[in-house]
Amino acid sequence: MQEVLITYETLFELLKRERERSDLQKLEPGFFSDTISYIKDKKKIIDAKSDSVFAPEERKKTERQLENIYKIIKELYEKREKKIIQLALDKSRTQSNLIDATPLLKEEKVFFDAATDLLDSYRQAILYTVLNEKLPFMAPLEEKKQKTEFKSALEIAKSTRLVRFSYHVPKFVGPELEEYGPFEEEDIASLPAEIADVLINKGKAEEIKEE
């Protein structure tokens, strides 16, 4: 028998823990895949044909449970979403490497990196520009895809690649004097395409492609 990794009770307990604690809680790396498998199993019960007199009641019970499962997953995501945004705010404001990102799932790490990059970009474009006695230049949303001197965070995100490190890579400086790393084996990071290509070509990292 395959071990049951996710149940209604475990999902509820994870949500309860996320509600009660201010810090982002650690989830198992396979949380999303295990949750999807659990939902599929529930749907199989609903779709199953049976001559048993108990089948209709069992389907109704499972349908109600599935509705609650969706609500739990949605709230769990939103609780974590809020905490990840706060982590990104802390990272952007302090520029500290002491922010604990270990509880992040790999998919959430991409979200965290993108949110941090976005906040950094606008902090640079507004705050630091004003401190340098210059007017901020903010391209309207509909013009962000045009070629301008201002490189928006959205454009940066589109030119990044998600990579998994194969070896330890010490801290290094990018072409625009931005710092990256250090990275350990199996670390996952979203990096500018030109930097990711160099690491991949040197065999230091491999690209994680979306399926």
N, C-alpha and C. Protein backbone atom coordinates (compact mmCIF):
# COMPACT_ATOMS: atom_id res chain seq x y z
N MET A 1 0.85 -1.19 0.00
CA MET A 1 0.00 0.00 0.00
C MET A 1 0.88 1.24 0.00
N GLN A 2 0.50 2.24 -0.86
CA GLN A 2 1.26 3.48 -0.92
C GLN A 2 0.93 4.33 0.30
N GLU A 3 1.94 4.91 0.89
CA GLU A 3 1.74 5.73 2.07
C GLU A 3 0.93 6.97 1.72
N VAL A 4 -0.07 7.30 2.54
CA VAL A 4 -0.89 8.48 2.34
C VAL A 4 -0.13 9.68 2.89
N LEU A 5 0.27 10.57 1.98
CA LEU A 5 1.07 11.73 2.38
C LEU A 5 0.20 12.92 2.73
N ILE A 6 -0.95 13.05 2.07
CA ILE A 6 -1.86 14.17 2.32
C ILE A 6 -3.24 13.61 2.64
N THR A 7 -3.83 14.11 3.69
CA THR A 7 -5.21 13.78 4.04
C THR A 7 -5.93 15.07 4.37
N TYR A 8 -7.23 14.98 4.54
CA TYR A 8 -8.01 16.16 4.92
C TYR A 8 -7.49 16.71 6.24
N GLU A 9 -7.17 15.80 7.16
CA GLU A 9 -6.70 16.22 8.48
C GLU A 9 -5.34 16.91 8.40
N THR A 10 -4.44 16.39 7.56
CA THR A 10 -3.12 17.02 7.46
C THR A 10 -3.22 18.40 6.82
N LEU A 11 -4.09 18.55 5.81
CA LEU A 11 -4.28 19.86 5.20
C LEU A 11 -4.82 20.86 6.21
N PHE A 12 -5.80 20.42 6.99
CA PHE A 12 -6.39 21.31 7.99
C PHE A 12 -5.35 21.70 9.04
N GLU A 13 -4.50 20.74 9.42
CA GLU A 13 -3.47 21.02 10.42
C GLU A 13 -2.43 22.00 9.87
N LEU A 14 -2.07 21.85 8.60
CA LEU A 14 -1.13 22.78 7.98
C LEU A 14 -1.68 24.19 7.95
N LEU A 15 -2.97 24.31 7.63
CA LEU A 15 -3.61 25.63 7.62
C LEU A 15 -3.66 26.20 9.03
N LYS A 16 -4.00 25.38 9.99
CA LYS A 16 -4.07 25.82 11.39
C LYS A 16 -2.72 26.35 11.85
N ARG A 17 -1.66 25.63 11.50
CA ARG A 17 -0.31 26.04 11.89
C ARG A 17 0.09 27.35 11.21
N GLU A 18 -0.30 27.49 9.93
CA GLU A 18 0.03 28.71 9.19
C GLU A 18 -0.74 29.91 9.76
N ARG A 19 -1.95 29.66 10.22
CA ARG A 19 -2.76 30.74 10.82
C ARG A 19 -2.17 31.21 12.14
N GLU A 20 -1.72 30.25 12.94
CA GLU A 20 -1.34 30.56 14.32
C GLU A 20 0.06 31.12 14.47
N ARG A 21 0.92 30.89 13.49
CA ARG A 21 2.33 31.31 13.60
C ARG A 21 2.65 32.42 12.61
N SER A 22 3.42 33.36 13.06
CA SER A 22 3.74 34.51 12.21
C SER A 22 4.75 34.17 11.12
N ASP A 23 5.64 33.23 11.39
CA ASP A 23 6.66 32.85 10.41
C ASP A 23 6.09 31.88 9.38
N LEU A 24 6.65 31.94 8.18
CA LEU A 24 6.26 30.99 7.14
C LEU A 24 6.64 29.58 7.59
N GLN A 25 5.69 28.66 7.50
CA GLN A 25 5.93 27.30 7.97
C GLN A 25 6.48 26.42 6.85
N LYS A 26 7.34 25.49 7.22
CA LYS A 26 7.99 24.61 6.24
C LYS A 26 7.02 23.52 5.79
N LEU A 27 6.97 23.32 4.49
CA LEU A 27 6.17 22.24 3.90
C LEU A 27 7.11 21.23 3.24
N GLU A 28 6.63 20.03 3.05
CA GLU A 28 7.43 19.01 2.37
C GLU A 28 7.63 19.42 0.91
N PRO A 29 8.79 19.12 0.32
CA PRO A 29 9.06 19.53 -1.07
C PRO A 29 8.01 19.06 -2.06
N GLY A 30 7.41 17.91 -1.79
CA GLY A 30 6.40 17.37 -2.72
C GLY A 30 4.98 17.75 -2.37
N PHE A 31 4.81 18.83 -1.61
CA PHE A 31 3.47 19.21 -1.13
C PHE A 31 2.48 19.38 -2.27
N PHE A 32 2.85 20.11 -3.31
CA PHE A 32 1.91 20.38 -4.40
C PHE A 32 1.53 19.11 -5.13
N SER A 33 2.52 18.28 -5.46
CA SER A 33 2.23 17.05 -6.20
C SER A 33 1.40 16.09 -5.35
N ASP A 34 1.70 16.03 -4.05
CA ASP A 34 0.93 15.15 -3.15
C ASP A 34 -0.51 15.64 -3.02
N THR A 35 -0.68 16.96 -2.96
CA THR A 35 -2.02 17.53 -2.84
C THR A 35 -2.84 17.27 -4.11
N ILE A 36 -2.20 17.40 -5.27
CA ILE A 36 -2.89 17.14 -6.53
C ILE A 36 -3.32 15.68 -6.60
N SER A 37 -2.44 14.77 -6.17
CA SER A 37 -2.79 13.33 -6.17
C SER A 37 -3.97 13.06 -5.24
N TYR A 38 -3.98 13.75 -4.11
CA TYR A 38 -5.07 13.58 -3.14
C TYR A 38 -6.40 14.05 -3.74
N ILE A 39 -6.38 15.20 -4.42
CA ILE A 39 -7.60 15.72 -5.06
C ILE A 39 -8.09 14.76 -6.14
N LYS A 40 -7.16 14.24 -6.93
CA LYS A 40 -7.53 13.30 -8.00
C LYS A 40 -8.19 12.05 -7.42
N ASP A 41 -7.66 11.58 -6.29
CA ASP A 41 -8.25 10.39 -5.64
C ASP A 41 -9.68 10.66 -5.20
N LYS A 42 -9.90 11.88 -4.68
CA LYS A 42 -11.26 12.26 -4.25
C LYS A 42 -12.20 12.31 -5.45
N LYS A 43 -11.71 12.83 -6.58
CA LYS A 43 -12.54 12.92 -7.77
C LYS A 43 -12.87 11.54 -8.34
N LYS A 44 -11.94 10.59 -8.17
CA LYS A 44 -12.20 9.23 -8.62
C LYS A 44 -13.37 8.62 -7.85
N ILE A 45 -13.44 8.93 -6.56
CA ILE A 45 -14.55 8.42 -5.74
C ILE A 45 -15.86 9.01 -6.23
N ILE A 46 -15.84 10.30 -6.57
CA ILE A 46 -17.06 10.97 -7.03
C ILE A 46 -17.50 10.41 -8.38
N ASP A 47 -16.52 10.13 -9.26
CA ASP A 47 -16.84 9.67 -10.62
C ASP A 47 -17.10 8.17 -10.70
N ALA A 48 -16.75 7.44 -9.65
CA ALA A 48 -16.88 5.98 -9.68
C ALA A 48 -18.35 5.57 -9.75
N LYS A 49 -18.60 4.52 -10.56
CA LYS A 49 -19.96 3.97 -10.67
C LYS A 49 -20.06 2.76 -9.76
N SER A 50 -21.12 2.70 -9.00
CA SER A 50 -21.30 1.57 -8.07
C SER A 50 -22.78 1.29 -7.89
N ASP A 51 -23.09 0.02 -7.74
CA ASP A 51 -24.48 -0.39 -7.52
C ASP A 51 -24.83 -0.37 -6.04
N SER A 52 -23.86 -0.07 -5.20
CA SER A 52 -24.11 -0.07 -3.76
C SER A 52 -25.10 1.02 -3.39
N VAL A 53 -25.95 0.70 -2.43
CA VAL A 53 -26.94 1.69 -1.96
C VAL A 53 -26.24 2.83 -1.21
N PHE A 54 -25.01 2.59 -0.79
CA PHE A 54 -24.28 3.61 -0.06
C PHE A 54 -23.51 4.56 -1.00
N ALA A 55 -23.42 4.20 -2.29
CA ALA A 55 -22.62 4.98 -3.23
C ALA A 55 -23.07 6.44 -3.35
N PRO A 56 -24.37 6.72 -3.53
CA PRO A 56 -24.79 8.13 -3.65
C PRO A 56 -24.43 8.97 -2.43
N GLU A 57 -24.60 8.39 -1.26
CA GLU A 57 -24.27 9.11 -0.03
C GLU A 57 -22.77 9.35 0.08
N GLU A 58 -22.00 8.33 -0.33
CA GLU A 58 -20.54 8.45 -0.29
C GLU A 58 -20.07 9.55 -1.24
N ARG A 59 -20.70 9.62 -2.42
CA ARG A 59 -20.34 10.66 -3.38
C ARG A 59 -20.65 12.05 -2.83
N LYS A 60 -21.81 12.20 -2.24
CA LYS A 60 -22.19 13.51 -1.67
C LYS A 60 -21.23 13.92 -0.56
N LYS A 61 -20.88 12.96 0.27
CA LYS A 61 -19.94 13.24 1.36
C LYS A 61 -18.59 13.68 0.80
N THR A 62 -18.12 12.98 -0.23
CA THR A 62 -16.83 13.31 -0.84
C THR A 62 -16.88 14.66 -1.54
N GLU A 63 -18.00 14.98 -2.19
CA GLU A 63 -18.16 16.28 -2.85
C GLU A 63 -18.08 17.42 -1.83
N ARG A 64 -18.73 17.24 -0.69
CA ARG A 64 -18.67 18.27 0.36
C ARG A 64 -17.25 18.42 0.88
N GLN A 65 -16.60 17.28 1.06
CA GLN A 65 -15.22 17.31 1.55
C GLN A 65 -14.30 17.99 0.54
N LEU A 66 -14.52 17.72 -0.74
CA LEU A 66 -13.69 18.31 -1.78
C LEU A 66 -13.86 19.84 -1.81
N GLU A 67 -15.09 20.30 -1.60
CA GLU A 67 -15.33 21.75 -1.53
C GLU A 67 -14.53 22.36 -0.38
N ASN A 68 -14.52 21.68 0.76
CA ASN A 68 -13.75 22.18 1.91
C ASN A 68 -12.25 22.12 1.65
N ILE A 69 -11.82 21.09 0.93
CA ILE A 69 -10.40 20.96 0.59
C ILE A 69 -9.96 22.15 -0.26
N TYR A 70 -10.78 22.52 -1.24
CA TYR A 70 -10.46 23.68 -2.09
C TYR A 70 -10.35 24.95 -1.24
N LYS A 71 -11.26 25.11 -0.28
CA LYS A 71 -11.24 26.29 0.57
C LYS A 71 -9.97 26.32 1.44
N ILE A 72 -9.60 25.15 1.97
CA ILE A 72 -8.39 25.06 2.80
C ILE A 72 -7.15 25.41 1.98
N ILE A 73 -7.05 24.84 0.78
CA ILE A 73 -5.88 25.09 -0.06
C ILE A 73 -5.81 26.57 -0.43
N LYS A 74 -6.94 27.17 -0.75
CA LYS A 74 -6.97 28.59 -1.12
C LYS A 74 -6.52 29.47 0.05
N GLU A 75 -7.04 29.18 1.24
CA GLU A 75 -6.66 29.99 2.40
C GLU A 75 -5.19 29.77 2.77
N LEU A 76 -4.74 28.52 2.65
CA LEU A 76 -3.34 28.22 2.95
C LEU A 76 -2.42 28.99 2.01
N TYR A 77 -2.79 29.01 0.72
CA TYR A 77 -1.99 29.75 -0.25
C TYR A 77 -1.96 31.23 0.10
N GLU A 78 -3.12 31.80 0.43
CA GLU A 78 -3.19 33.24 0.69
C GLU A 78 -2.46 33.62 1.97
N LYS A 79 -2.48 32.74 2.96
CA LYS A 79 -1.71 33.00 4.19
C LYS A 79 -0.22 33.03 3.86
N ARG A 80 0.23 32.05 3.08
CA ARG A 80 1.64 31.98 2.71
C ARG A 80 2.01 33.12 1.76
N GLU A 81 1.10 33.45 0.86
CA GLU A 81 1.34 34.55 -0.08
C GLU A 81 1.65 35.84 0.68
N LYS A 82 0.85 36.13 1.69
CA LYS A 82 1.04 37.35 2.48
C LYS A 82 2.41 37.34 3.18
N LYS A 83 2.80 36.19 3.70
CA LYS A 83 4.08 36.09 4.40
C LYS A 83 5.25 36.20 3.42
N ILE A 84 5.10 35.64 2.23
CA ILE A 84 6.16 35.72 1.24
C ILE A 84 6.36 37.16 0.79
N ILE A 85 5.26 37.88 0.60
CA ILE A 85 5.36 39.30 0.23
C ILE A 85 6.06 40.09 1.33
N GLN A 86 5.75 39.76 2.59
CA GLN A 86 6.42 40.45 3.70
C GLN A 86 7.92 40.13 3.72
N LEU A 87 8.26 38.87 3.43
CA LEU A 87 9.67 38.50 3.35
C LEU A 87 10.38 39.29 2.24
N ALA A 88 9.69 39.43 1.10
CA ALA A 88 10.27 40.19 -0.01
C ALA A 88 10.45 41.66 0.37
N LEU A 89 9.48 42.22 1.09
CA LEU A 89 9.60 43.59 1.58
C LEU A 89 10.81 43.74 2.50
N ASP A 90 10.94 42.80 3.43
CA ASP A 90 12.08 42.83 4.36
C ASP A 90 13.40 42.74 3.61
N LYS A 91 13.45 41.84 2.63
CA LYS A 91 14.67 41.64 1.85
C LYS A 91 15.02 42.91 1.07
N SER A 92 14.01 43.51 0.43
CA SER A 92 14.25 44.70 -0.38
C SER A 92 14.66 45.89 0.48
N ARG A 93 14.03 46.03 1.64
CA ARG A 93 14.32 47.18 2.49
C ARG A 93 15.68 47.09 3.18
N THR A 94 16.04 45.88 3.57
CA THR A 94 17.28 45.71 4.34
C THR A 94 18.47 45.28 3.49
N GLN A 95 18.17 44.71 2.29
CA GLN A 95 19.23 44.16 1.44
C GLN A 95 20.09 43.16 2.22
N SER A 96 19.44 42.44 3.12
CA SER A 96 20.14 41.51 3.99
C SER A 96 20.09 40.10 3.43
N ASN A 97 21.18 39.37 3.61
CA ASN A 97 21.21 37.95 3.24
C ASN A 97 20.77 37.06 4.39
N LEU A 98 20.31 37.69 5.48
CA LEU A 98 19.91 36.93 6.65
C LEU A 98 18.43 36.54 6.63
N ILE A 99 17.71 36.95 5.57
CA ILE A 99 16.31 36.57 5.45
C ILE A 99 16.23 35.05 5.27
N ASP A 100 15.44 34.40 6.12
CA ASP A 100 15.35 32.94 6.08
C ASP A 100 14.36 32.51 4.99
N ALA A 101 14.89 32.02 3.89
CA ALA A 101 14.05 31.57 2.78
C ALA A 101 13.90 30.06 2.74
N THR A 102 14.41 29.38 3.76
CA THR A 102 14.38 27.91 3.74
C THR A 102 12.97 27.31 3.77
N PRO A 103 11.96 27.98 4.39
CA PRO A 103 10.62 27.37 4.37
C PRO A 103 9.92 27.46 3.03
N LEU A 104 10.50 28.20 2.08
CA LEU A 104 9.86 28.37 0.78
C LEU A 104 9.94 27.10 -0.07
N LEU A 105 8.84 26.73 -0.68
CA LEU A 105 8.88 25.69 -1.70
C LEU A 105 9.57 26.25 -2.93
N LYS A 106 10.05 25.41 -3.83
CA LYS A 106 10.82 25.91 -4.98
C LYS A 106 9.97 26.86 -5.83
N GLU A 107 8.67 26.56 -5.95
CA GLU A 107 7.80 27.45 -6.71
C GLU A 107 7.62 28.78 -6.00
N GLU A 108 7.56 28.74 -4.67
CA GLU A 108 7.42 29.97 -3.89
C GLU A 108 8.71 30.79 -3.92
N LYS A 109 9.85 30.11 -4.05
CA LYS A 109 11.13 30.82 -4.13
C LYS A 109 11.18 31.68 -5.39
N VAL A 110 10.62 31.17 -6.48
CA VAL A 110 10.55 31.96 -7.72
C VAL A 110 9.69 33.20 -7.49
N PHE A 111 8.55 33.01 -6.83
CA PHE A 111 7.65 34.11 -6.48
C PHE A 111 8.37 35.13 -5.60
N PHE A 112 9.07 34.63 -4.59
CA PHE A 112 9.80 35.50 -3.66
C PHE A 112 10.87 36.32 -4.39
N ASP A 113 11.64 35.66 -5.25
CA ASP A 113 12.70 36.36 -5.99
C ASP A 113 12.11 37.42 -6.92
N ALA A 114 11.01 37.06 -7.60
CA ALA A 114 10.38 38.02 -8.52
C ALA A 114 9.82 39.22 -7.77
N ALA A 115 9.18 38.96 -6.61
CA ALA A 115 8.62 40.05 -5.80
C ALA A 115 9.73 40.96 -5.28
N THR A 116 10.83 40.36 -4.85
CA THR A 116 11.97 41.15 -4.36
C THR A 116 12.55 42.00 -5.48
N ASP A 117 12.72 41.41 -6.66
CA ASP A 117 13.24 42.15 -7.80
C ASP A 117 12.32 43.32 -8.16
N LEU A 118 11.02 43.07 -8.10
CA LEU A 118 10.05 44.12 -8.41
C LEU A 118 10.16 45.28 -7.43
N LEU A 119 10.22 44.96 -6.14
CA LEU A 119 10.34 45.99 -5.11
C LEU A 119 11.66 46.74 -5.22
N ASP A 120 12.74 46.00 -5.49
CA ASP A 120 14.05 46.64 -5.67
C ASP A 120 14.03 47.61 -6.84
N SER A 121 13.37 47.19 -7.92
CA SER A 121 13.34 48.00 -9.13
C SER A 121 12.63 49.33 -8.88
N TYR A 122 11.48 49.27 -8.21
CA TYR A 122 10.74 50.50 -7.97
C TYR A 122 11.37 51.34 -6.85
N ARG A 123 12.02 50.69 -5.91
CA ARG A 123 12.76 51.44 -4.89
C ARG A 123 13.87 52.25 -5.56
N GLN A 124 14.56 51.61 -6.50
CA GLN A 124 15.61 52.29 -7.24
C GLN A 124 15.04 53.43 -8.09
N ALA A 125 13.92 53.13 -8.76
CA ALA A 125 13.34 54.10 -9.69
C ALA A 125 12.71 55.30 -8.99
N ILE A 126 12.21 55.10 -7.77
CA ILE A 126 11.53 56.20 -7.07
C ILE A 126 12.38 56.77 -5.95
N LEU A 127 12.63 55.95 -4.91
CA LEU A 127 13.30 56.46 -3.72
C LEU A 127 14.69 56.99 -4.01
N TYR A 128 15.54 56.14 -4.59
CA TYR A 128 16.93 56.53 -4.80
C TYR A 128 17.06 57.64 -5.85
N THR A 129 16.13 57.67 -6.80
CA THR A 129 16.14 58.74 -7.79
C THR A 129 15.85 60.09 -7.14
N VAL A 130 14.85 60.10 -6.24
CA VAL A 130 14.52 61.33 -5.52
C VAL A 130 15.67 61.75 -4.60
N LEU A 131 16.30 60.78 -3.93
CA LEU A 131 17.43 61.10 -3.06
C LEU A 131 18.60 61.68 -3.85
N ASN A 132 18.66 61.36 -5.13
CA ASN A 132 19.69 61.93 -6.00
C ASN A 132 19.19 63.20 -6.69
N GLU A 133 18.10 63.74 -6.17
CA GLU A 133 17.54 65.02 -6.63
C GLU A 133 17.10 64.98 -8.08
N LYS A 134 16.54 63.86 -8.47
CA LYS A 134 16.01 63.72 -9.82
C LYS A 134 14.57 63.24 -9.73
N LEU A 135 13.78 63.60 -10.74
CA LEU A 135 12.39 63.15 -10.77
C LEU A 135 12.32 61.68 -11.17
N PRO A 136 11.50 60.91 -10.48
CA PRO A 136 11.35 59.50 -10.87
C PRO A 136 10.75 59.39 -12.27
N PHE A 137 11.21 58.38 -13.00
CA PHE A 137 10.62 58.10 -14.30
C PHE A 137 9.88 56.78 -14.20
N MET A 138 8.58 56.84 -14.26
CA MET A 138 7.76 55.64 -14.16
C MET A 138 6.96 55.50 -15.44
N ALA A 139 7.25 54.47 -16.19
CA ALA A 139 6.51 54.24 -17.43
C ALA A 139 5.10 53.77 -17.12
N PRO A 140 4.08 54.33 -17.78
CA PRO A 140 2.71 53.83 -17.59
C PRO A 140 2.63 52.35 -17.93
N LEU A 141 1.68 51.67 -17.33
CA LEU A 141 1.58 50.22 -17.50
C LEU A 141 1.52 49.82 -18.97
N GLU A 142 0.76 50.57 -19.78
CA GLU A 142 0.60 50.17 -21.17
C GLU A 142 1.87 50.39 -21.99
N GLU A 143 2.86 51.12 -21.43
CA GLU A 143 4.09 51.39 -22.17
C GLU A 143 5.27 50.54 -21.71
N LYS A 144 5.00 49.65 -20.77
CA LYS A 144 6.11 48.90 -20.19
C LYS A 144 6.79 47.97 -21.18
N LYS A 145 6.09 47.59 -22.24
CA LYS A 145 6.69 46.68 -23.22
C LYS A 145 7.50 47.44 -24.28
N GLN A 146 7.40 48.77 -24.27
CA GLN A 146 8.16 49.56 -25.23
C GLN A 146 9.60 49.65 -24.79
N LYS A 147 10.48 49.99 -25.75
CA LYS A 147 11.90 50.13 -25.45
C LYS A 147 12.13 51.51 -24.85
N THR A 148 12.49 51.54 -23.58
CA THR A 148 12.80 52.78 -22.89
C THR A 148 14.06 52.56 -22.09
N GLU A 149 14.62 53.65 -21.59
CA GLU A 149 15.82 53.55 -20.77
C GLU A 149 15.50 52.90 -19.44
N PHE A 150 14.24 53.00 -19.03
CA PHE A 150 13.83 52.38 -17.77
C PHE A 150 13.49 50.92 -18.02
N LYS A 151 14.20 50.04 -17.38
CA LYS A 151 13.99 48.60 -17.55
C LYS A 151 13.11 48.12 -16.41
N SER A 152 11.87 47.85 -16.71
CA SER A 152 10.91 47.50 -15.67
C SER A 152 11.19 46.12 -15.10
N ALA A 153 10.68 45.89 -13.90
CA ALA A 153 10.87 44.59 -13.26
C ALA A 153 10.16 43.48 -14.04
N LEU A 154 9.09 43.84 -14.72
CA LEU A 154 8.39 42.84 -15.52
C LEU A 154 9.28 42.35 -16.65
N GLU A 155 9.98 43.28 -17.31
CA GLU A 155 10.88 42.91 -18.40
C GLU A 155 12.05 42.09 -17.88
N ILE A 156 12.54 42.46 -16.69
CA ILE A 156 13.63 41.71 -16.08
C ILE A 156 13.19 40.27 -15.81
N ALA A 157 11.96 40.14 -15.26
CA ALA A 157 11.45 38.81 -14.93
C ALA A 157 11.35 37.93 -16.18
N LYS A 158 10.96 38.57 -17.32
CA LYS A 158 10.83 37.81 -18.56
C LYS A 158 12.18 37.35 -19.09
N SER A 159 13.26 38.01 -18.69
CA SER A 159 14.58 37.67 -19.20
C SER A 159 15.38 36.85 -18.19
N THR A 160 14.68 36.26 -17.24
CA THR A 160 15.35 35.44 -16.23
C THR A 160 15.11 33.95 -16.51
N ARG A 161 15.97 33.15 -15.91
CA ARG A 161 15.82 31.70 -16.02
C ARG A 161 15.92 31.08 -14.64
N LEU A 162 15.16 30.04 -14.44
CA LEU A 162 15.18 29.30 -13.18
C LEU A 162 16.21 28.19 -13.30
N VAL A 163 17.18 28.18 -12.39
CA VAL A 163 18.24 27.18 -12.46
C VAL A 163 18.41 26.47 -11.12
N ARG A 164 18.93 25.24 -11.19
CA ARG A 164 19.29 24.47 -10.00
C ARG A 164 20.81 24.30 -10.03
N PHE A 165 21.47 24.65 -8.93
CA PHE A 165 22.93 24.59 -8.89
C PHE A 165 23.41 23.16 -8.68
N SER A 166 24.43 22.79 -9.44
CA SER A 166 25.02 21.45 -9.35
C SER A 166 26.22 21.42 -8.41
N TYR A 167 26.79 22.58 -8.15
CA TYR A 167 27.95 22.70 -7.27
C TYR A 167 27.84 23.98 -6.44
N HIS A 168 28.69 24.07 -5.43
CA HIS A 168 28.79 25.31 -4.66
C HIS A 168 29.34 26.41 -5.56
N VAL A 169 28.69 27.57 -5.53
CA VAL A 169 29.15 28.73 -6.28
C VAL A 169 29.27 29.90 -5.31
N PRO A 170 30.47 30.44 -5.13
CA PRO A 170 30.64 31.56 -4.19
C PRO A 170 29.96 32.82 -4.71
N LYS A 171 29.86 33.82 -3.84
CA LYS A 171 29.26 35.09 -4.21
C LYS A 171 30.01 35.69 -5.40
N PHE A 172 29.26 36.25 -6.36
CA PHE A 172 29.89 36.88 -7.51
C PHE A 172 29.12 38.13 -7.89
N VAL A 173 29.74 38.94 -8.72
CA VAL A 173 29.16 40.22 -9.13
C VAL A 173 28.74 40.13 -10.60
N GLY A 174 27.52 40.60 -10.90
CA GLY A 174 27.01 40.57 -12.26
C GLY A 174 27.53 41.73 -13.09
N PRO A 175 27.13 41.79 -14.36
CA PRO A 175 27.63 42.83 -15.27
C PRO A 175 27.25 44.25 -14.86
N GLU A 176 26.18 44.38 -14.07
CA GLU A 176 25.75 45.71 -13.61
C GLU A 176 26.12 45.92 -12.14
N LEU A 177 27.14 45.18 -11.70
CA LEU A 177 27.69 45.29 -10.34
C LEU A 177 26.72 44.82 -9.26
N GLU A 178 25.71 44.05 -9.65
CA GLU A 178 24.80 43.48 -8.66
C GLU A 178 25.40 42.19 -8.12
N GLU A 179 25.18 41.92 -6.84
CA GLU A 179 25.76 40.73 -6.21
C GLU A 179 24.80 39.55 -6.25
N TYR A 180 25.36 38.36 -6.44
CA TYR A 180 24.59 37.12 -6.43
C TYR A 180 25.30 36.09 -5.56
N GLY A 181 24.48 35.24 -4.92
CA GLY A 181 25.06 34.15 -4.12
C GLY A 181 25.45 34.57 -2.73
N PRO A 182 26.17 33.67 -2.06
CA PRO A 182 26.65 32.37 -2.57
C PRO A 182 25.52 31.36 -2.71
N PHE A 183 25.76 30.32 -3.53
CA PHE A 183 24.78 29.27 -3.75
C PHE A 183 25.40 27.92 -3.40
N GLU A 184 24.57 27.04 -2.86
CA GLU A 184 25.01 25.69 -2.53
C GLU A 184 24.41 24.69 -3.52
N GLU A 185 24.95 23.51 -3.57
CA GLU A 185 24.43 22.44 -4.43
C GLU A 185 22.95 22.22 -4.13
N GLU A 186 22.15 22.11 -5.17
CA GLU A 186 20.70 21.89 -5.13
C GLU A 186 19.92 23.18 -4.84
N ASP A 187 20.59 24.31 -4.60
CA ASP A 187 19.88 25.58 -4.47
C ASP A 187 19.19 25.92 -5.78
N ILE A 188 18.04 26.60 -5.67
CA ILE A 188 17.29 27.02 -6.86
C ILE A 188 17.20 28.54 -6.85
N ALA A 189 17.43 29.16 -8.00
CA ALA A 189 17.40 30.62 -8.07
C ALA A 189 16.93 31.06 -9.45
N SER A 190 16.29 32.23 -9.48
CA SER A 190 15.91 32.86 -10.73
C SER A 190 16.96 33.92 -11.03
N LEU A 191 17.67 33.76 -12.15
CA LEU A 191 18.79 34.64 -12.48
C LEU A 191 18.61 35.24 -13.87
N PRO A 192 19.22 36.40 -14.14
CA PRO A 192 19.20 36.96 -15.49
C PRO A 192 19.71 35.93 -16.50
N ALA A 193 19.11 35.93 -17.68
CA ALA A 193 19.40 34.90 -18.68
C ALA A 193 20.89 34.82 -19.02
N GLU A 194 21.56 36.00 -19.14
CA GLU A 194 22.97 35.96 -19.53
C GLU A 194 23.84 35.32 -18.45
N ILE A 195 23.49 35.54 -17.18
CA ILE A 195 24.24 34.94 -16.08
C ILE A 195 23.94 33.44 -16.00
N ALA A 196 22.64 33.10 -16.15
CA ALA A 196 22.24 31.69 -16.12
C ALA A 196 22.94 30.90 -17.22
N ASP A 197 23.07 31.50 -18.41
CA ASP A 197 23.71 30.81 -19.54
C ASP A 197 25.17 30.49 -19.23
N VAL A 198 25.86 31.45 -18.61
CA VAL A 198 27.26 31.23 -18.26
C VAL A 198 27.39 30.06 -17.28
N LEU A 199 26.56 30.06 -16.25
CA LEU A 199 26.60 28.99 -15.24
C LEU A 199 26.27 27.63 -15.85
N ILE A 200 25.27 27.64 -16.75
CA ILE A 200 24.86 26.38 -17.39
C ILE A 200 25.97 25.86 -18.30
N ASN A 201 26.57 26.76 -19.08
CA ASN A 201 27.64 26.37 -20.00
C ASN A 201 28.87 25.84 -19.27
N LYS A 202 29.10 26.35 -18.05
CA LYS A 202 30.24 25.90 -17.25
C LYS A 202 29.91 24.64 -16.44
N GLY A 203 28.68 24.17 -16.56
CA GLY A 203 28.28 22.97 -15.84
C GLY A 203 28.03 23.19 -14.36
N LYS A 204 27.92 24.46 -13.96
CA LYS A 204 27.69 24.78 -12.54
C LYS A 204 26.21 24.69 -12.16
N ALA A 205 25.33 24.78 -13.17
CA ALA A 205 23.89 24.76 -12.89
C ALA A 205 23.18 24.17 -14.09
N GLU A 206 21.91 23.81 -13.87
CA GLU A 206 21.08 23.31 -14.96
C GLU A 206 19.74 24.06 -14.93
N GLU A 207 19.19 24.32 -16.11
CA GLU A 207 17.95 25.07 -16.18
C GLU A 207 16.77 24.18 -15.79
N ILE A 208 15.85 24.78 -15.03
CA ILE A 208 14.58 24.10 -14.69
C ILE A 208 13.53 24.66 -15.62
N LYS A 209 13.06 23.83 -16.53
CA LYS A 209 12.08 24.29 -17.50
C LYS A 209 10.67 23.91 -17.06
N GLU A 210 9.73 24.83 -17.31
CA GLU A 210 8.34 24.57 -16.98
C GLU A 210 7.80 23.50 -17.92
N GLU A 211 7.03 22.61 -17.34
CA GLU A 211 6.46 21.53 -18.16
C GLU A 211 5.19 22.01 -18.84
